[in-house]
């Protein structure tokens, strides 16, 4: 069993992901305004000693799956900080090739930046299941 399969909560099919994109429930690792967190994550993870460039595309696909789950949690199930915490925890678990100190560092940075920059995209008053 792959590491990502152990980490993820939802086992999404390609068709489900397409529907979630179409419905604007998920946006991958993008923030509104065109901020590509995908690129930022990759640039920082590449700095970790032991990073294998040959596996970078698979790593980015796995990170996108974590981003999808973060978007789903953010939209439907959990509140802002908890969804960000779950994302950081999954990032920690995903980076099995890094040493614990490096994994903690990446997870803490993810949590910090999601909380700092994600606030302006968080619409606490308007949830899809409310009628107000």
N, C-alpha and C. Protein backbone atom coordinates (compact mmCIF):
# COMPACT_ATOMS: atom_id res chain seq x y z
N UNK A 1 0.84 -1.18 0.00
CA UNK A 1 0.00 0.00 0.00
C UNK A 1 0.89 1.25 0.00
N UNK A 2 0.58 2.20 -0.85
CA UNK A 2 1.35 3.41 -0.96
C UNK A 2 1.11 4.31 0.25
N UNK A 3 2.07 5.16 0.54
CA UNK A 3 1.97 6.07 1.68
C UNK A 3 0.75 6.96 1.56
N UNK A 4 0.48 7.49 0.38
CA UNK A 4 -0.65 8.41 0.20
C UNK A 4 -1.97 7.71 0.50
N UNK A 5 -2.07 6.43 0.18
CA UNK A 5 -3.31 5.69 0.45
C UNK A 5 -3.52 5.50 1.95
N UNK A 6 -2.45 5.44 2.71
CA UNK A 6 -2.56 5.33 4.16
C UNK A 6 -2.94 6.66 4.80
N UNK A 7 -2.54 7.75 4.16
CA UNK A 7 -2.74 9.09 4.72
C UNK A 7 -4.12 9.65 4.42
N UNK A 8 -4.58 9.46 3.20
CA UNK A 8 -5.81 10.12 2.76
C UNK A 8 -7.05 9.51 3.41
N UNK A 9 -8.00 10.38 3.64
CA UNK A 9 -9.27 9.99 4.24
C UNK A 9 -10.25 9.54 3.18
N UNK A 10 -10.26 10.26 2.05
CA UNK A 10 -11.18 9.99 0.96
C UNK A 10 -10.42 9.34 -0.19
N UNK A 11 -10.97 8.31 -0.76
CA UNK A 11 -10.37 7.67 -1.93
C UNK A 11 -11.14 8.18 -3.15
N UNK A 12 -10.69 9.30 -3.69
CA UNK A 12 -11.39 9.97 -4.78
C UNK A 12 -11.00 9.41 -6.14
N UNK A 13 -11.99 9.22 -6.98
CA UNK A 13 -11.72 8.80 -8.36
C UNK A 13 -11.47 10.06 -9.20
N UNK A 14 -10.93 9.87 -10.39
CA UNK A 14 -10.70 11.01 -11.29
C UNK A 14 -12.00 11.71 -11.63
N UNK A 15 -13.05 10.94 -11.81
CA UNK A 15 -14.37 11.52 -12.12
C UNK A 15 -14.89 12.37 -10.96
N UNK A 16 -14.72 11.89 -9.74
CA UNK A 16 -15.14 12.66 -8.57
C UNK A 16 -14.34 13.96 -8.45
N UNK A 17 -13.05 13.89 -8.72
CA UNK A 17 -12.20 15.08 -8.66
C UNK A 17 -12.65 16.09 -9.71
N UNK A 18 -12.96 15.62 -10.91
CA UNK A 18 -13.46 16.51 -11.96
C UNK A 18 -14.75 17.19 -11.53
N UNK A 19 -15.65 16.44 -10.92
CA UNK A 19 -16.91 17.01 -10.46
C UNK A 19 -16.66 18.05 -9.36
N UNK A 20 -15.74 17.75 -8.45
CA UNK A 20 -15.42 18.69 -7.37
C UNK A 20 -14.81 19.98 -7.92
N UNK A 21 -13.97 19.86 -8.96
CA UNK A 21 -13.43 21.05 -9.63
C UNK A 21 -14.55 21.85 -10.28
N UNK A 22 -15.40 21.14 -11.03
CA UNK A 22 -16.50 21.78 -11.74
C UNK A 22 -17.42 22.52 -10.77
N UNK A 23 -17.65 21.94 -9.61
CA UNK A 23 -18.53 22.51 -8.60
C UNK A 23 -17.84 23.59 -7.76
N UNK A 24 -16.58 23.80 -8.02
CA UNK A 24 -15.76 24.78 -7.30
C UNK A 24 -15.65 24.47 -5.81
N UNK A 25 -15.65 23.19 -5.50
CA UNK A 25 -15.46 22.75 -4.12
C UNK A 25 -13.97 22.59 -3.85
N UNK A 26 -13.23 22.12 -4.84
CA UNK A 26 -11.78 22.00 -4.70
C UNK A 26 -11.10 22.86 -5.78
N UNK A 27 -9.90 23.29 -5.46
CA UNK A 27 -9.10 24.01 -6.44
C UNK A 27 -7.65 23.52 -6.41
N UNK A 28 -7.43 22.36 -5.81
CA UNK A 28 -6.07 21.84 -5.72
C UNK A 28 -5.26 22.65 -4.74
N UNK A 29 -4.06 23.00 -5.12
CA UNK A 29 -3.18 23.76 -4.24
C UNK A 29 -3.10 25.22 -4.67
N UNK A 30 -4.20 25.74 -5.15
CA UNK A 30 -4.25 27.14 -5.60
C UNK A 30 -5.08 27.95 -4.62
N UNK A 31 -4.66 29.17 -4.40
CA UNK A 31 -5.46 30.11 -3.64
C UNK A 31 -6.13 31.06 -4.60
N UNK A 32 -7.14 31.74 -4.13
CA UNK A 32 -7.79 32.72 -4.98
C UNK A 32 -6.80 33.83 -5.28
N UNK A 33 -6.94 34.42 -6.43
CA UNK A 33 -6.00 35.46 -6.83
C UNK A 33 -4.78 34.89 -7.55
N UNK A 34 -4.80 33.59 -7.84
CA UNK A 34 -3.74 32.99 -8.62
C UNK A 34 -2.50 32.57 -7.85
N UNK A 35 -2.58 32.48 -6.54
CA UNK A 35 -1.43 32.04 -5.75
C UNK A 35 -1.31 30.52 -5.89
N UNK A 36 -0.17 30.07 -6.40
CA UNK A 36 0.04 28.64 -6.62
C UNK A 36 0.88 28.07 -5.48
N UNK A 37 0.22 27.49 -4.49
CA UNK A 37 0.92 26.90 -3.36
C UNK A 37 1.66 25.63 -3.76
N UNK A 38 1.20 25.01 -4.83
CA UNK A 38 1.84 23.83 -5.40
C UNK A 38 3.32 24.12 -5.68
N UNK A 39 3.58 25.21 -6.37
CA UNK A 39 4.94 25.61 -6.72
C UNK A 39 5.74 25.97 -5.48
N UNK A 40 5.14 26.71 -4.57
CA UNK A 40 5.82 27.11 -3.34
C UNK A 40 6.23 25.89 -2.53
N UNK A 41 5.32 24.92 -2.40
CA UNK A 41 5.64 23.69 -1.66
C UNK A 41 6.79 22.94 -2.32
N UNK A 42 6.71 22.79 -3.64
CA UNK A 42 7.74 22.04 -4.34
C UNK A 42 9.11 22.70 -4.19
N UNK A 43 9.17 24.00 -4.32
CA UNK A 43 10.43 24.71 -4.19
C UNK A 43 11.05 24.51 -2.80
N UNK A 44 10.23 24.51 -1.78
CA UNK A 44 10.74 24.34 -0.43
C UNK A 44 11.10 22.90 -0.11
N UNK A 45 10.31 21.96 -0.62
CA UNK A 45 10.60 20.54 -0.37
C UNK A 45 11.88 20.12 -1.09
N UNK A 46 12.15 20.71 -2.25
CA UNK A 46 13.36 20.39 -2.99
C UNK A 46 14.62 20.75 -2.21
N UNK A 47 14.51 21.66 -1.26
CA UNK A 47 15.67 22.09 -0.47
C UNK A 47 16.08 21.05 0.57
N UNK A 48 15.20 20.11 0.87
CA UNK A 48 15.48 19.11 1.90
C UNK A 48 16.49 18.10 1.34
N UNK A 49 17.59 17.88 2.08
CA UNK A 49 18.55 16.86 1.63
C UNK A 49 17.85 15.49 1.52
N UNK A 50 18.17 14.77 0.49
CA UNK A 50 17.55 13.47 0.27
C UNK A 50 16.37 13.52 -0.69
N UNK A 51 16.03 14.73 -1.16
CA UNK A 51 14.93 14.87 -2.11
C UNK A 51 15.32 14.17 -3.41
N UNK A 52 14.42 13.33 -3.91
CA UNK A 52 14.67 12.56 -5.13
C UNK A 52 13.89 13.21 -6.28
N UNK A 53 14.62 13.86 -7.18
CA UNK A 53 14.00 14.55 -8.30
C UNK A 53 13.19 13.60 -9.19
N UNK A 54 13.62 12.34 -9.27
CA UNK A 54 12.92 11.37 -10.10
C UNK A 54 11.51 11.07 -9.58
N UNK A 55 11.31 11.26 -8.30
CA UNK A 55 10.00 10.99 -7.71
C UNK A 55 9.20 12.26 -7.47
N UNK A 56 9.67 13.39 -7.98
CA UNK A 56 9.02 14.66 -7.69
C UNK A 56 7.62 14.77 -8.27
N UNK A 57 7.39 14.23 -9.45
CA UNK A 57 6.05 14.31 -10.05
C UNK A 57 5.03 13.52 -9.23
N UNK A 58 5.41 12.33 -8.77
CA UNK A 58 4.52 11.53 -7.93
C UNK A 58 4.28 12.24 -6.59
N UNK A 59 5.32 12.85 -6.05
CA UNK A 59 5.17 13.59 -4.80
C UNK A 59 4.18 14.73 -4.97
N UNK A 60 4.26 15.45 -6.08
CA UNK A 60 3.34 16.56 -6.31
C UNK A 60 1.91 16.06 -6.52
N UNK A 61 1.74 14.91 -7.15
CA UNK A 61 0.39 14.33 -7.28
C UNK A 61 -0.17 13.98 -5.90
N UNK A 62 0.69 13.44 -5.04
CA UNK A 62 0.26 13.10 -3.69
C UNK A 62 -0.09 14.36 -2.90
N UNK A 63 0.69 15.41 -3.07
CA UNK A 63 0.39 16.67 -2.38
C UNK A 63 -0.92 17.24 -2.88
N UNK A 64 -1.19 17.12 -4.18
CA UNK A 64 -2.48 17.60 -4.72
C UNK A 64 -3.65 16.84 -4.10
N UNK A 65 -3.47 15.53 -3.87
CA UNK A 65 -4.54 14.76 -3.21
C UNK A 65 -4.78 15.29 -1.80
N UNK A 66 -3.71 15.63 -1.10
CA UNK A 66 -3.86 16.21 0.23
C UNK A 66 -4.56 17.57 0.14
N UNK A 67 -4.22 18.34 -0.90
CA UNK A 67 -4.89 19.63 -1.11
C UNK A 67 -6.39 19.44 -1.37
N UNK A 68 -6.74 18.43 -2.17
CA UNK A 68 -8.16 18.15 -2.44
C UNK A 68 -8.88 17.85 -1.13
N UNK A 69 -8.27 17.00 -0.32
CA UNK A 69 -8.90 16.65 0.96
C UNK A 69 -9.01 17.87 1.86
N UNK A 70 -8.00 18.72 1.83
CA UNK A 70 -8.05 19.95 2.63
C UNK A 70 -9.23 20.81 2.18
N UNK A 71 -9.41 20.95 0.87
CA UNK A 71 -10.52 21.74 0.34
C UNK A 71 -11.86 21.15 0.75
N UNK A 72 -11.98 19.84 0.69
CA UNK A 72 -13.24 19.18 1.08
C UNK A 72 -13.49 19.39 2.57
N UNK A 73 -12.49 19.16 3.39
CA UNK A 73 -12.64 19.37 4.84
C UNK A 73 -13.00 20.82 5.13
N UNK A 74 -12.30 21.71 4.48
CA UNK A 74 -12.50 23.14 4.65
C UNK A 74 -13.93 23.54 4.30
N UNK A 75 -14.45 22.95 3.25
CA UNK A 75 -15.77 23.34 2.75
C UNK A 75 -16.92 22.67 3.50
N UNK A 76 -16.75 21.42 3.91
CA UNK A 76 -17.89 20.67 4.43
C UNK A 76 -17.79 20.24 5.88
N UNK A 77 -16.65 19.74 6.30
CA UNK A 77 -16.64 18.99 7.55
C UNK A 77 -16.04 19.70 8.75
N UNK A 78 -14.97 20.44 8.57
CA UNK A 78 -14.27 20.99 9.72
C UNK A 78 -14.15 22.50 9.62
N UNK A 79 -13.72 23.10 10.67
CA UNK A 79 -13.52 24.53 10.64
C UNK A 79 -12.11 24.84 10.18
N UNK A 80 -11.85 26.10 9.98
CA UNK A 80 -10.64 26.59 9.32
C UNK A 80 -9.35 26.02 9.90
N UNK A 81 -9.11 26.19 11.18
CA UNK A 81 -7.84 25.77 11.78
C UNK A 81 -7.68 24.25 11.79
N UNK A 82 -8.77 23.56 12.00
CA UNK A 82 -8.70 22.10 12.03
C UNK A 82 -8.37 21.53 10.65
N UNK A 83 -8.96 22.09 9.59
CA UNK A 83 -8.64 21.66 8.23
C UNK A 83 -7.16 21.92 7.92
N UNK A 84 -6.66 23.06 8.36
CA UNK A 84 -5.25 23.39 8.14
C UNK A 84 -4.34 22.46 8.93
N UNK A 85 -4.75 22.12 10.15
CA UNK A 85 -3.97 21.19 10.97
C UNK A 85 -3.91 19.81 10.29
N UNK A 86 -5.04 19.35 9.79
CA UNK A 86 -5.08 18.04 9.11
C UNK A 86 -4.17 18.05 7.89
N UNK A 87 -4.15 19.15 7.15
CA UNK A 87 -3.26 19.27 5.99
C UNK A 87 -1.80 19.15 6.43
N UNK A 88 -1.42 19.89 7.45
CA UNK A 88 -0.04 19.88 7.93
C UNK A 88 0.35 18.49 8.44
N UNK A 89 -0.57 17.84 9.13
CA UNK A 89 -0.31 16.50 9.67
C UNK A 89 -0.09 15.49 8.52
N UNK A 90 -0.90 15.61 7.47
CA UNK A 90 -0.75 14.71 6.32
C UNK A 90 0.55 14.99 5.58
N UNK A 91 0.96 16.25 5.51
CA UNK A 91 2.26 16.57 4.90
C UNK A 91 3.38 15.93 5.70
N UNK A 92 3.29 15.98 7.02
CA UNK A 92 4.30 15.36 7.87
C UNK A 92 4.39 13.86 7.58
N UNK A 93 3.25 13.22 7.47
CA UNK A 93 3.22 11.77 7.22
C UNK A 93 3.69 11.42 5.81
N UNK A 94 3.48 12.31 4.85
CA UNK A 94 3.84 12.03 3.46
C UNK A 94 5.36 12.05 3.24
N UNK A 95 6.06 12.91 3.92
CA UNK A 95 7.50 13.09 3.68
C UNK A 95 8.33 12.09 4.46
N UNK A 96 8.10 10.82 4.22
CA UNK A 96 8.76 9.76 4.98
C UNK A 96 10.26 9.70 4.73
N UNK A 97 10.74 10.21 3.62
CA UNK A 97 12.16 10.17 3.27
C UNK A 97 12.98 11.23 4.00
N UNK A 98 12.31 12.24 4.57
CA UNK A 98 13.00 13.30 5.30
C UNK A 98 13.14 12.90 6.77
N UNK A 99 14.09 13.52 7.45
CA UNK A 99 14.23 13.22 8.87
C UNK A 99 13.13 13.93 9.66
N UNK A 100 12.85 13.50 10.89
CA UNK A 100 11.73 14.06 11.65
C UNK A 100 11.78 15.58 11.82
N UNK A 101 12.96 16.14 12.03
CA UNK A 101 13.09 17.58 12.19
C UNK A 101 12.65 18.31 10.92
N UNK A 102 13.05 17.81 9.76
CA UNK A 102 12.67 18.42 8.48
C UNK A 102 11.17 18.28 8.23
N UNK A 103 10.63 17.13 8.57
CA UNK A 103 9.19 16.89 8.39
C UNK A 103 8.38 17.83 9.27
N UNK A 104 8.81 18.01 10.51
CA UNK A 104 8.12 18.93 11.42
C UNK A 104 8.20 20.35 10.89
N UNK A 105 9.38 20.73 10.40
CA UNK A 105 9.58 22.07 9.87
C UNK A 105 8.61 22.35 8.71
N UNK A 106 8.52 21.43 7.76
CA UNK A 106 7.61 21.61 6.62
C UNK A 106 6.16 21.66 7.10
N UNK A 107 5.78 20.77 8.01
CA UNK A 107 4.41 20.75 8.52
C UNK A 107 4.06 22.05 9.23
N UNK A 108 4.96 22.55 10.05
CA UNK A 108 4.71 23.80 10.77
C UNK A 108 4.60 24.97 9.79
N UNK A 109 5.47 25.00 8.79
CA UNK A 109 5.39 26.06 7.78
C UNK A 109 4.06 26.00 7.03
N UNK A 110 3.64 24.79 6.65
CA UNK A 110 2.34 24.64 5.97
C UNK A 110 1.22 25.17 6.84
N UNK A 111 1.21 24.77 8.09
CA UNK A 111 0.15 25.20 9.01
C UNK A 111 0.18 26.73 9.18
N UNK A 112 1.36 27.28 9.35
CA UNK A 112 1.49 28.73 9.54
C UNK A 112 0.98 29.50 8.32
N UNK A 113 1.45 29.11 7.13
CA UNK A 113 1.07 29.85 5.93
C UNK A 113 -0.39 29.64 5.55
N UNK A 114 -0.91 28.46 5.79
CA UNK A 114 -2.35 28.25 5.54
C UNK A 114 -3.19 29.15 6.44
N UNK A 115 -2.78 29.26 7.70
CA UNK A 115 -3.52 30.12 8.62
C UNK A 115 -3.35 31.59 8.30
N UNK A 116 -2.14 31.98 7.94
CA UNK A 116 -1.85 33.39 7.67
C UNK A 116 -2.52 33.87 6.39
N UNK A 117 -2.34 33.13 5.30
CA UNK A 117 -2.82 33.60 4.01
C UNK A 117 -4.19 33.04 3.63
N UNK A 118 -4.60 31.96 4.26
CA UNK A 118 -5.89 31.36 3.93
C UNK A 118 -7.08 32.12 4.50
N UNK A 119 -6.86 32.94 5.51
CA UNK A 119 -7.96 33.68 6.15
C UNK A 119 -8.74 34.53 5.16
N UNK A 120 -8.06 35.16 4.21
CA UNK A 120 -8.78 36.05 3.29
C UNK A 120 -9.64 35.29 2.30
N UNK A 121 -9.46 33.96 2.20
CA UNK A 121 -10.27 33.15 1.31
C UNK A 121 -11.34 32.36 2.04
N UNK A 122 -11.37 32.50 3.35
CA UNK A 122 -12.28 31.72 4.18
C UNK A 122 -13.57 32.51 4.39
N UNK A 123 -14.67 31.96 3.89
CA UNK A 123 -15.96 32.64 4.02
C UNK A 123 -16.76 31.97 5.11
N UNK A 124 -16.58 32.43 6.33
CA UNK A 124 -17.24 31.80 7.47
C UNK A 124 -18.75 32.01 7.44
N UNK A 125 -19.23 33.10 6.84
CA UNK A 125 -20.66 33.40 6.85
C UNK A 125 -21.43 32.66 5.76
N UNK A 126 -20.75 32.18 4.75
CA UNK A 126 -21.46 31.58 3.62
C UNK A 126 -20.98 30.15 3.41
N UNK A 127 -21.76 29.21 3.87
CA UNK A 127 -21.46 27.79 3.67
C UNK A 127 -22.50 27.24 2.69
N UNK A 128 -22.15 26.23 1.91
CA UNK A 128 -23.05 25.75 0.87
C UNK A 128 -24.35 25.16 1.39
N UNK A 129 -24.38 24.69 2.62
CA UNK A 129 -25.59 24.05 3.13
C UNK A 129 -26.52 25.03 3.86
N UNK A 130 -26.11 26.29 3.97
CA UNK A 130 -26.97 27.27 4.64
C UNK A 130 -27.87 27.94 3.62
N UNK A 131 -28.99 28.46 4.07
CA UNK A 131 -29.91 29.16 3.19
C UNK A 131 -29.85 30.67 3.41
N UNK A 132 -29.04 31.11 4.34
CA UNK A 132 -28.95 32.55 4.65
C UNK A 132 -27.97 33.23 3.77
